[in-house]
Protein backbone atom coordinates (compact mmCIF):
# COMPACT_ATOMS: atom_id res chain seq x y z
CA MET A 1 21.78 -9.66 -0.95
CA ALA A 2 19.31 -7.02 -2.68
CA SER A 3 17.49 -4.20 -0.04
CA VAL A 4 13.98 -3.39 -0.29
CA VAL A 5 12.82 0.26 -0.25
CA LEU A 6 9.24 0.95 1.28
CA SER A 7 7.21 3.95 1.58
CA GLY A 8 3.76 4.37 2.28
CA TRP A 9 1.40 7.43 3.25
CA ARG A 10 -2.54 7.39 4.48
CA THR A 11 -5.21 9.96 3.09
CA THR A 12 -8.67 10.83 3.22
CA GLN A 13 -10.77 11.19 -0.20
CA VAL A 14 -13.66 13.54 -0.60
CA THR A 15 -15.75 12.92 -3.59
CA LEU A 16 -18.55 15.54 -4.01
CA GLY A 17 -20.99 15.17 -6.58
CA TYR A 18 -24.67 14.96 -7.86
CA SER A 19 -27.49 14.17 -4.92
CA THR A 20 -31.36 13.70 -5.02
CA GLU A 21 -31.72 16.61 -2.81
CA PHE A 22 -31.74 20.31 -4.77
CA GLY A 23 -28.52 22.53 -3.52
CA VAL A 24 -26.91 19.78 -1.41
CA ALA A 25 -23.73 17.86 -3.12
CA ARG A 26 -23.69 14.16 -2.53
CA MET A 27 -20.44 13.89 -0.50
CA LEU A 28 -18.31 10.29 -0.01
CA VAL A 29 -15.07 9.92 2.17
CA CYS A 30 -12.90 7.19 1.90
CA ASP A 31 -10.03 6.53 3.90
CA TYR A 32 -7.13 4.66 1.22
CA GLN A 33 -3.22 3.82 2.55
CA ASN A 34 -1.47 3.04 -0.22
CA ALA A 35 2.49 0.90 0.36
CA TRP A 36 5.11 0.92 -2.23
CA THR A 37 8.05 -1.73 -1.87
CA PHE A 38 10.90 -1.41 -4.85
CA LEU A 39 13.69 -3.73 -5.33
CA PRO A 40 17.24 -1.78 -7.01
CA PRO A 41 17.54 -2.33 -10.72
CA SER A 42 20.04 -5.85 -11.35
CA SER A 43 23.57 -4.90 -11.93
CA SER A 44 24.02 -7.30 -14.82
CA SER A 45 20.88 -5.68 -16.79
CA ASP A 46 21.89 -2.90 -19.69
CA VAL A 47 18.42 -1.81 -19.06
CA ILE A 48 17.35 0.76 -16.18
CA GLU A 49 14.41 -0.48 -14.30
CA LEU A 50 12.52 -0.42 -11.47
CA ARG A 51 10.27 -3.63 -9.98
CA GLY A 52 8.33 -2.94 -7.26
CA GLU A 53 4.41 -3.67 -5.58
CA LEU A 54 1.96 -1.10 -5.13
CA LEU A 55 -0.96 -1.94 -2.00
CA THR A 56 -3.80 0.20 -1.03
CA ALA A 57 -6.12 -0.75 1.44
CA GLY A 58 -9.34 1.46 1.81
CA TYR A 59 -11.32 1.83 5.49
CA LEU A 60 -14.41 2.74 5.96
CA GLN A 61 -15.69 6.25 8.15
CA PRO A 62 -17.04 5.92 11.38
CA THR A 63 -20.65 7.05 9.54
CA ASP A 64 -21.05 3.76 7.97
CA PRO A 65 -23.16 0.86 9.82
CA SER A 66 -20.59 -1.66 9.37
CA TYR A 67 -17.58 0.25 10.80
CA PHE A 68 -17.32 -0.92 14.19
CA ASP A 69 -17.74 -4.76 12.59
CA VAL A 70 -14.32 -4.27 11.46
CA ALA A 71 -13.13 -0.48 12.57
CA THR A 72 -9.24 -1.13 12.05
CA GLN A 73 -8.94 -3.51 9.57
CA PRO A 74 -9.44 -2.28 5.12
CA VAL A 75 -12.45 -3.60 3.47
CA VAL A 76 -10.61 -3.54 0.37
CA VAL A 77 -7.67 -3.98 -1.11
CA PHE A 78 -5.65 -3.26 -4.67
CA SER A 79 -2.26 -5.18 -5.32
CA HIS A 80 -0.34 -3.94 -8.12
CA LYS A 81 2.87 -4.91 -9.70
CA LEU A 82 5.12 -2.63 -11.05
CA ARG A 83 7.62 -2.02 -13.70
CA LEU A 84 8.77 1.18 -14.19
CA THR A 85 11.72 1.85 -16.94
CA PRO A 86 12.52 5.22 -18.36
CA ALA A 87 10.71 6.47 -21.48
CA SER A 88 12.64 6.30 -24.67
CA VAL A 89 13.33 9.84 -26.20
CA ALA A 90 12.63 10.19 -30.18
């Protein structure tokens, strides 16, 4: 039976940009949680590769009007399939 490796973290991203008020930057704060799962490479394959999945969940900030409706639930979830192989060397 293949074992699964699980890794993850939670982070806050702050993005600064232009605003409509002179001298004041527009600030967008978002909380994200990332989780990776990886399966070990197949022993019957000549090519070394890892397969896995990346899940990213986005959460609202307490300053958002909808925060208390969904406080601990993600408002967006992205899922990506991963296939990692060594880069070819020329």
